[in-house]
Amino acid sequence: MKELMFAAASYPLQRRARAKQTKYQFLLMHPSGSQLKIISDWVTHDELHPVIAKVFPWEETGAAYDQLKAGHVRGKLIVQVQK
């Protein structure tokens, strides 16, 4: 039932993806090494293009959290642990 609900909800996105000759897949994440491997493979093979809004140095973690909490962030905020 859950899969049917997600398929129905994502239909407009799938239609747009087909129009742009690309693929859309909804992925429910669980703490899983196998799912992380799938995502890693997609990035490695240039099949997944994450949108990165901003990269913060570790010392600015608080600022990153404040920006995330405020909302309106399009993409992912990255906190860089090491250079």
PDB file of N, CA and C in Angstrom:
ATOM      1  N   MET A   1       0.823  -1.193   0.000  1.00  0.00           N
ATOM      2  CA  MET A   1       0.000   0.000   0.000  1.00  0.00           C
ATOM      3  C   MET A   1       0.868   1.259   0.000  1.00  0.00           C
ATOM      4  N   LYS A   2       1.957   1.223   0.810  1.00  0.00           N
ATOM      5  CA  LYS A   2       2.857   2.374   0.881  1.00  0.00           C
ATOM      6  C   LYS A   2       3.483   2.666  -0.483  1.00  0.00           C
ATOM      7  N   GLU A   3       3.892   1.610  -1.197  1.00  0.00           N
ATOM      8  CA  GLU A   3       4.506   1.795  -2.512  1.00  0.00           C
ATOM      9  C   GLU A   3       3.523   2.419  -3.494  1.00  0.00           C
ATOM     10  N   LEU A   4       2.262   2.006  -3.430  1.00  0.00           N
ATOM     11  CA  LEU A   4       1.237   2.564  -4.308  1.00  0.00           C
ATOM     12  C   LEU A   4       1.032   4.050  -4.018  1.00  0.00           C
ATOM     13  N   MET A   5       1.024   4.419  -2.747  1.00  0.00           N
ATOM     14  CA  MET A   5       0.861   5.824  -2.377  1.00  0.00           C
ATOM     15  C   MET A   5       2.030   6.673  -2.885  1.00  0.00           C
ATOM     16  N   PHE A   6       3.255   6.175  -2.748  1.00  0.00           N
ATOM     17  CA  PHE A   6       4.412   6.923  -3.229  1.00  0.00           C
ATOM     18  C   PHE A   6       4.416   7.004  -4.753  1.00  0.00           C
ATOM     19  N   ALA A   7       4.014   5.934  -5.411  1.00  0.00           N
ATOM     20  CA  ALA A   7       3.950   5.950  -6.876  1.00  0.00           C
ATOM     21  C   ALA A   7       2.956   7.002  -7.351  1.00  0.00           C
ATOM     22  N   ALA A   8       1.809   7.069  -6.710  1.00  0.00           N
ATOM     23  CA  ALA A   8       0.806   8.060  -7.096  1.00  0.00           C
ATOM     24  C   ALA A   8       1.296   9.484  -6.811  1.00  0.00           C
ATOM     25  N   ALA A   9       1.915   9.683  -5.669  1.00  0.00           N
ATOM     26  CA  ALA A   9       2.399  11.009  -5.300  1.00  0.00           C
ATOM     27  C   ALA A   9       3.545  11.481  -6.190  1.00  0.00           C
ATOM     28  N   SER A  10       4.346  10.548  -6.679  1.00  0.00           N
ATOM     29  CA  SER A  10       5.509  10.929  -7.477  1.00  0.00           C
ATOM     30  C   SER A  10       5.229  10.903  -8.979  1.00  0.00           C
ATOM     31  N   TYR A  11       4.000  10.620  -9.380  1.00  0.00           N
ATOM     32  CA  TYR A  11       3.681  10.542 -10.808  1.00  0.00           C
ATOM     33  C   TYR A  11       4.060  11.811 -11.573  1.00  0.00           C
ATOM     34  N   PRO A  12       3.726  13.012 -11.069  1.00  0.00           N
ATOM     35  CA  PRO A  12       4.126  14.219 -11.809  1.00  0.00           C
ATOM     36  C   PRO A  12       5.640  14.336 -12.001  1.00  0.00           C
ATOM     37  N   LEU A  13       6.409  13.942 -10.997  1.00  0.00           N
ATOM     38  CA  LEU A  13       7.865  13.981 -11.122  1.00  0.00           C
ATOM     39  C   LEU A  13       8.357  12.959 -12.141  1.00  0.00           C
ATOM     40  N   GLN A  14       7.755  11.793 -12.141  1.00  0.00           N
ATOM     41  CA  GLN A  14       8.148  10.770 -13.113  1.00  0.00           C
ATOM     42  C   GLN A  14       7.841  11.231 -14.532  1.00  0.00           C
ATOM     43  N   ARG A  15       6.698  11.893 -14.714  1.00  0.00           N
ATOM     44  CA  ARG A  15       6.317  12.385 -16.038  1.00  0.00           C
ATOM     45  C   ARG A  15       7.316  13.443 -16.517  1.00  0.00           C
ATOM     46  N   ARG A  16       7.706  14.359 -15.614  1.00  0.00           N
ATOM     47  CA  ARG A  16       8.699  15.377 -15.986  1.00  0.00           C
ATOM     48  C   ARG A  16      10.051  14.747 -16.294  1.00  0.00           C
ATOM     49  N   ALA A  17      10.423  13.737 -15.527  1.00  0.00           N
ATOM     50  CA  ALA A  17      11.704  13.059 -15.770  1.00  0.00           C
ATOM     51  C   ALA A  17      11.709  12.412 -17.151  1.00  0.00           C
ATOM     52  N   ARG A  18      10.606  11.743 -17.513  1.00  0.00           N
ATOM     53  CA  ARG A  18      10.530  11.123 -18.848  1.00  0.00           C
ATOM     54  C   ARG A  18      10.625  12.176 -19.949  1.00  0.00           C
ATOM     55  N   ALA A  19       9.985  13.331 -19.743  1.00  0.00           N
ATOM     56  CA  ALA A  19      10.031  14.402 -20.738  1.00  0.00           C
ATOM     57  C   ALA A  19      11.456  14.904 -20.941  1.00  0.00           C
ATOM     58  N   LYS A  20      12.270  14.842 -19.902  1.00  0.00           N
ATOM     59  CA  LYS A  20      13.668  15.283 -19.988  1.00  0.00           C
ATOM     60  C   LYS A  20      14.613  14.121 -20.262  1.00  0.00           C
ATOM     61  N   GLN A  21      14.045  12.982 -20.590  1.00  0.00           N
ATOM     62  CA  GLN A  21      14.803  11.759 -20.896  1.00  0.00           C
ATOM     63  C   GLN A  21      15.774  11.407 -19.769  1.00  0.00           C
ATOM     64  N   THR A  22      15.248  11.436 -18.558  1.00  0.00           N
ATOM     65  CA  THR A  22      16.033  11.051 -17.391  1.00  0.00           C
ATOM     66  C   THR A  22      15.201  10.112 -16.545  1.00  0.00           C
ATOM     67  N   LYS A  23      15.739   9.669 -15.447  1.00  0.00           N
ATOM     68  CA  LYS A  23      15.061   8.690 -14.614  1.00  0.00           C
ATOM     69  C   LYS A  23      14.810   9.282 -13.234  1.00  0.00           C
ATOM     70  N   TYR A  24      13.631   9.024 -12.696  1.00  0.00           N
ATOM     71  CA  TYR A  24      13.282   9.455 -11.349  1.00  0.00           C
ATOM     72  C   TYR A  24      12.977   8.207 -10.536  1.00  0.00           C
ATOM     73  N   GLN A  25      13.557   8.120  -9.357  1.00  0.00           N
ATOM     74  CA  GLN A  25      13.280   6.982  -8.487  1.00  0.00           C
ATOM     75  C   GLN A  25      13.147   7.490  -7.065  1.00  0.00           C
ATOM     76  N   PHE A  26      12.063   7.108  -6.411  1.00  0.00           N
ATOM     77  CA  PHE A  26      11.864   7.471  -5.017  1.00  0.00           C
ATOM     78  C   PHE A  26      12.532   6.410  -4.170  1.00  0.00           C
ATOM     79  N   LEU A  27      13.337   6.833  -3.227  1.00  0.00           N
ATOM     80  CA  LEU A  27      14.088   5.887  -2.399  1.00  0.00           C
ATOM     81  C   LEU A  27      13.846   6.214  -0.945  1.00  0.00           C
ATOM     82  N   LEU A  28      13.222   5.292  -0.221  1.00  0.00           N
ATOM     83  CA  LEU A  28      13.059   5.442   1.221  1.00  0.00           C
ATOM     84  C   LEU A  28      14.339   4.959   1.877  1.00  0.00           C
ATOM     85  N   MET A  29      14.952   5.818   2.660  1.00  0.00           N
ATOM     86  CA  MET A  29      16.217   5.456   3.286  1.00  0.00           C
ATOM     87  C   MET A  29      16.005   4.897   4.687  1.00  0.00           C
ATOM     88  N   HIS A  30      16.758   3.902   4.974  1.00  0.00           N
ATOM     89  CA  HIS A  30      16.843   3.298   6.303  1.00  0.00           C
ATOM     90  C   HIS A  30      18.331   3.233   6.639  1.00  0.00           C
ATOM     91  N   PRO A  31      18.703   3.171   7.907  1.00  0.00           N
ATOM     92  CA  PRO A  31      20.124   3.036   8.234  1.00  0.00           C
ATOM     93  C   PRO A  31      20.642   1.709   7.684  1.00  0.00           C
ATOM     94  N   SER A  32      21.197   1.757   6.490  1.00  0.00           N
ATOM     95  CA  SER A  32      21.556   0.527   5.812  1.00  0.00           C
ATOM     96  C   SER A  32      22.812   0.737   4.974  1.00  0.00           C
ATOM     97  N   GLY A  33      23.794  -0.094   5.188  1.00  0.00           N
ATOM     98  CA  GLY A  33      25.009  -0.042   4.383  1.00  0.00           C
ATOM     99  C   GLY A  33      24.744  -0.341   2.926  1.00  0.00           C
ATOM    100  N   SER A  34      23.786  -1.234   2.645  1.00  0.00           N
ATOM    101  CA  SER A  34      23.508  -1.586   1.246  1.00  0.00           C
ATOM    102  C   SER A  34      22.872  -0.409   0.506  1.00  0.00           C
ATOM    103  N   GLN A  35      21.994   0.364   1.171  1.00  0.00           N
ATOM    104  CA  GLN A  35      21.403   1.531   0.512  1.00  0.00           C
ATOM    105  C   GLN A  35      22.447   2.638   0.325  1.00  0.00           C
ATOM    106  N   LEU A  36      23.333   2.799   1.295  1.00  0.00           N
ATOM    107  CA  LEU A  36      24.393   3.779   1.143  1.00  0.00           C
ATOM    108  C   LEU A  36      25.307   3.407  -0.023  1.00  0.00           C
ATOM    109  N   LYS A  37      25.546   2.124  -0.209  1.00  0.00           N
ATOM    110  CA  LYS A  37      26.359   1.653  -1.338  1.00  0.00           C
ATOM    111  C   LYS A  37      25.682   1.986  -2.655  1.00  0.00           C
ATOM    112  N   ILE A  38      24.358   1.818  -2.735  1.00  0.00           N
ATOM    113  CA  ILE A  38      23.613   2.142  -3.955  1.00  0.00           C
ATOM    114  C   ILE A  38      23.798   3.619  -4.298  1.00  0.00           C
ATOM    115  N   ILE A  39      23.611   4.479  -3.307  1.00  0.00           N
ATOM    116  CA  ILE A  39      23.740   5.920  -3.536  1.00  0.00           C
ATOM    117  C   ILE A  39      25.175   6.274  -3.920  1.00  0.00           C
ATOM    118  N   SER A  40      26.135   5.676  -3.245  1.00  0.00           N
ATOM    119  CA  SER A  40      27.542   5.914  -3.560  1.00  0.00           C
ATOM    120  C   SER A  40      27.849   5.516  -5.003  1.00  0.00           C
ATOM    121  N   ASP A  41      27.317   4.394  -5.434  1.00  0.00           N
ATOM    122  CA  ASP A  41      27.524   3.947  -6.819  1.00  0.00           C
ATOM    123  C   ASP A  41      26.904   4.925  -7.810  1.00  0.00           C
ATOM    124  N   TRP A  42      25.711   5.437  -7.489  1.00  0.00           N
ATOM    125  CA  TRP A  42      25.067   6.410  -8.386  1.00  0.00           C
ATOM    126  C   TRP A  42      25.937   7.655  -8.538  1.00  0.00           C
ATOM    127  N   VAL A  43      26.493   8.146  -7.426  1.00  0.00           N
ATOM    128  CA  VAL A  43      27.338   9.341  -7.482  1.00  0.00           C
ATOM    129  C   VAL A  43      28.618   9.026  -8.255  1.00  0.00           C
ATOM    130  N   THR A  44      29.230   7.894  -7.973  1.00  0.00           N
ATOM    131  CA  THR A  44      30.469   7.500  -8.642  1.00  0.00           C
ATOM    132  C   THR A  44      30.288   7.388 -10.146  1.00  0.00           C
ATOM    133  N   HIS A  45      29.141   6.851 -10.572  1.00  0.00           N
ATOM    134  CA  HIS A  45      28.884   6.657 -12.005  1.00  0.00           C
ATOM    135  C   HIS A  45      28.156   7.843 -12.638  1.00  0.00           C
ATOM    136  N   ASP A  46      28.145   8.970 -11.930  1.00  0.00           N
ATOM    137  CA  ASP A  46      27.551  10.210 -12.443  1.00  0.00           C
ATOM    138  C   ASP A  46      26.078  10.039 -12.801  1.00  0.00           C
ATOM    139  N   GLU A  47      25.369   9.223 -12.020  1.00  0.00           N
ATOM    140  CA  GLU A  47      23.946   9.002 -12.229  1.00  0.00           C
ATOM    141  C   GLU A  47      23.100   9.788 -11.235  1.00  0.00           C
ATOM    142  N   LEU A  48      23.732  10.313 -10.215  1.00  0.00           N
ATOM    143  CA  LEU A  48      23.045  11.096  -9.196  1.00  0.00           C
ATOM    144  C   LEU A  48      23.804  12.403  -9.026  1.00  0.00           C
ATOM    145  N   HIS A  49      23.069  13.490  -9.078  1.00  0.00           N
ATOM    146  CA  HIS A  49      23.689  14.802  -8.987  1.00  0.00           C
ATOM    147  C   HIS A  49      23.093  15.548  -7.789  1.00  0.00           C
ATOM    148  N   PRO A  50      23.690  15.385  -6.612  1.00  0.00           N
ATOM    149  CA  PRO A  50      23.151  16.067  -5.443  1.00  0.00           C
ATOM    150  C   PRO A  50      23.287  17.584  -5.594  1.00  0.00           C
ATOM    151  N   VAL A  51      22.288  18.286  -5.105  1.00  0.00           N
ATOM    152  CA  VAL A  51      22.308  19.748  -5.123  1.00  0.00           C
ATOM    153  C   VAL A  51      22.883  20.211  -3.783  1.00  0.00           C
ATOM    154  N   ILE A  52      24.020  20.861  -3.833  1.00  0.00           N
ATOM    155  CA  ILE A  52      24.679  21.338  -2.615  1.00  0.00           C
ATOM    156  C   ILE A  52      24.451  22.840  -2.519  1.00  0.00           C
ATOM    157  N   ALA A  53      23.743  23.244  -1.473  1.00  0.00           N
ATOM    158  CA  ALA A  53      23.445  24.661  -1.284  1.00  0.00           C
ATOM    159  C   ALA A  53      24.672  25.413  -0.784  1.00  0.00           C
ATOM    160  N   LYS A  54      25.365  24.838   0.204  1.00  0.00           N
ATOM    161  CA  LYS A  54      26.516  25.527   0.781  1.00  0.00           C
ATOM    162  C   LYS A  54      27.359  24.536   1.585  1.00  0.00           C
ATOM    163  N   VAL A  55      28.663  24.770   1.602  1.00  0.00           N
ATOM    164  CA  VAL A  55      29.596  23.965   2.395  1.00  0.00           C
ATOM    165  C   VAL A  55      30.110  24.843   3.534  1.00  0.00           C
ATOM    166  N   PHE A  56      29.966  24.340   4.757  1.00  0.00           N
ATOM    167  CA  PHE A  56      30.419  25.051   5.947  1.00  0.00           C
ATOM    168  C   PHE A  56      31.640  24.353   6.525  1.00  0.00           C
ATOM    169  N   PRO A  57      32.620  25.108   7.008  1.00  0.00           N
ATOM    170  CA  PRO A  57      33.709  24.465   7.764  1.00  0.00           C
ATOM    171  C   PRO A  57      33.162  24.000   9.114  1.00  0.00           C
ATOM    172  N   TRP A  58      33.830  23.042   9.718  1.00  0.00           N
ATOM    173  CA  TRP A  58      33.386  22.463  10.986  1.00  0.00           C
ATOM    174  C   TRP A  58      33.110  23.533  12.038  1.00  0.00           C
ATOM    175  N   GLU A  59      33.947  24.555  12.056  1.00  0.00           N
ATOM    176  CA  GLU A  59      33.818  25.608  13.064  1.00  0.00           C
ATOM    177  C   GLU A  59      32.506  26.388  12.932  1.00  0.00           C
ATOM    178  N   GLU A  60      31.846  26.301  11.782  1.00  0.00           N
ATOM    179  CA  GLU A  60      30.594  27.028  11.547  1.00  0.00           C
ATOM    180  C   GLU A  60      29.371  26.105  11.549  1.00  0.00           C
ATOM    181  N   THR A  61      29.486  24.981  12.255  1.00  0.00           N
ATOM    182  CA  THR A  61      28.381  24.034  12.328  1.00  0.00           C
ATOM    183  C   THR A  61      27.120  24.696  12.873  1.00  0.00           C
ATOM    184  N   GLY A  62      27.266  25.552  13.852  1.00  0.00           N
ATOM    185  CA  GLY A  62      26.114  26.256  14.423  1.00  0.00           C
ATOM    186  C   GLY A  62      25.400  27.104  13.386  1.00  0.00           C
ATOM    187  N   ALA A  63      26.158  27.793  12.550  1.00  0.00           N
ATOM    188  CA  ALA A  63      25.563  28.613  11.490  1.00  0.00           C
ATOM    189  C   ALA A  63      24.837  27.739  10.474  1.00  0.00           C
ATOM    190  N   ALA A  64      25.409  26.576  10.168  1.00  0.00           N
ATOM    191  CA  ALA A  64      24.754  25.650   9.237  1.00  0.00           C
ATOM    192  C   ALA A  64      23.428  25.178   9.813  1.00  0.00           C
ATOM    193  N   TYR A  65      23.426  24.850  11.086  1.00  0.00           N
ATOM    194  CA  TYR A  65      22.194  24.399  11.735  1.00  0.00           C
ATOM    195  C   TYR A  65      21.154  25.515  11.756  1.00  0.00           C
ATOM    196  N   ASP A  66      21.579  26.722  12.047  1.00  0.00           N
ATOM    197  CA  ASP A  66      20.648  27.854  12.065  1.00  0.00           C
ATOM    198  C   ASP A  66      20.011  28.061  10.699  1.00  0.00           C
ATOM    199  N   GLN A  67      20.827  27.956   9.649  1.00  0.00           N
ATOM    200  CA  GLN A  67      20.297  28.123   8.294  1.00  0.00           C
ATOM    201  C   GLN A  67      19.322  27.002   7.955  1.00  0.00           C
ATOM    202  N   LEU A  68      19.647  25.787   8.345  1.00  0.00           N
ATOM    203  CA  LEU A  68      18.768  24.649   8.096  1.00  0.00           C
ATOM    204  C   LEU A  68      17.451  24.810   8.849  1.00  0.00           C
ATOM    205  N   LYS A  69      17.544  25.215  10.099  1.00  0.00           N
ATOM    206  CA  LYS A  69      16.367  25.382  10.942  1.00  0.00           C
ATOM    207  C   LYS A  69      15.456  26.488  10.408  1.00  0.00           C
ATOM    208  N   ALA A  70      16.044  27.520   9.821  1.00  0.00           N
ATOM    209  CA  ALA A  70      15.269  28.634   9.285  1.00  0.00           C
ATOM    210  C   ALA A  70      14.488  28.231   8.032  1.00  0.00           C
ATOM    211  N   GLY A  71      14.904  27.128   7.400  1.00  0.00           N
ATOM    212  CA  GLY A  71      14.209  26.681   6.198  1.00  0.00           C
ATOM    213  C   GLY A  71      14.702  27.416   4.966  1.00  0.00           C
ATOM    214  N   HIS A  72      13.987  27.230   3.902  1.00  0.00           N
ATOM    215  CA  HIS A  72      14.277  27.915   2.636  1.00  0.00           C
ATOM    216  C   HIS A  72      15.629  27.527   2.044  1.00  0.00           C
ATOM    217  N   VAL A  73      16.148  26.387   2.421  1.00  0.00           N
ATOM    218  CA  VAL A  73      17.404  25.914   1.849  1.00  0.00           C
ATOM    219  C   VAL A  73      17.059  24.975   0.702  1.00  0.00           C
ATOM    220  N   ARG A  74      17.577  25.278  -0.457  1.00  0.00           N
ATOM    221  CA  ARG A  74      17.345  24.408  -1.611  1.00  0.00           C
ATOM    222  C   ARG A  74      18.621  23.613  -1.845  1.00  0.00           C
ATOM    223  N   GLY A  75      18.564  22.349  -1.559  1.00  0.00           N
ATOM    224  CA  GLY A  75      19.734  21.504  -1.669  1.00  0.00           C
ATOM    225  C   GLY A  75      20.211  21.090  -0.283  1.00  0.00           C
ATOM    226  N   LYS A  76      21.406  20.589  -0.240  1.00  0.00           N
ATOM    227  CA  LYS A  76      21.971  20.065   1.003  1.00  0.00           C
ATOM    228  C   LYS A  76      23.015  21.030   1.560  1.00  0.00           C
ATOM    229  N   LEU A  77      23.017  21.128   2.880  1.00  0.00           N
ATOM    230  CA  LEU A  77      24.070  21.866   3.563  1.00  0.00           C
ATOM    231  C   LEU A  77      25.108  20.851   4.011  1.00  0.00           C
ATOM    232  N   ILE A  78      26.358  21.120   3.709  1.00  0.00           N
ATOM    233  CA  ILE A  78      27.452  20.206   4.017  1.00  0.00           C
ATOM    234  C   ILE A  78      28.319  20.820   5.108  1.00  0.00           C
ATOM    235  N   VAL A  79      28.636  20.036   6.132  1.00  0.00           N
ATOM    236  CA  VAL A  79      29.592  20.452   7.153  1.00  0.00           C
ATOM    237  C   VAL A  79      30.856  19.650   6.894  1.00  0.00           C
ATOM    238  N   GLN A  80      31.917  20.354   6.533  1.00  0.00           N
ATOM    239  CA  GLN A  80      33.172  19.701   6.187  1.00  0.00           C
ATOM    240  C   GLN A  80      33.954  19.412   7.450  1.00  0.00           C
ATOM    241  N   VAL A  81      34.195  18.129   7.716  1.00  0.00           N
ATOM    242  CA  VAL A  81      34.886  17.721   8.936  1.00  0.00           C
ATOM    243  C   VAL A  81      36.383  17.921   8.796  1.00  0.00           C
ATOM    244  N   GLN A  82      36.952  17.510   7.674  1.00  0.00           N
ATOM    245  CA  GLN A  82      38.391  17.671   7.425  1.00  0.00           C
ATOM    246  C   GLN A  82      38.593  18.158   6.005  1.00  0.00           C
ATOM    247  N   LYS A  83      39.720  18.794   5.788  1.00  0.00           N
ATOM    248  CA  LYS A  83      40.063  19.233   4.429  1.00  0.00           C
ATOM    249  C   LYS A  83      40.822  18.160   3.725  1.00  0.00           C
TER     250      LYS A  83
END
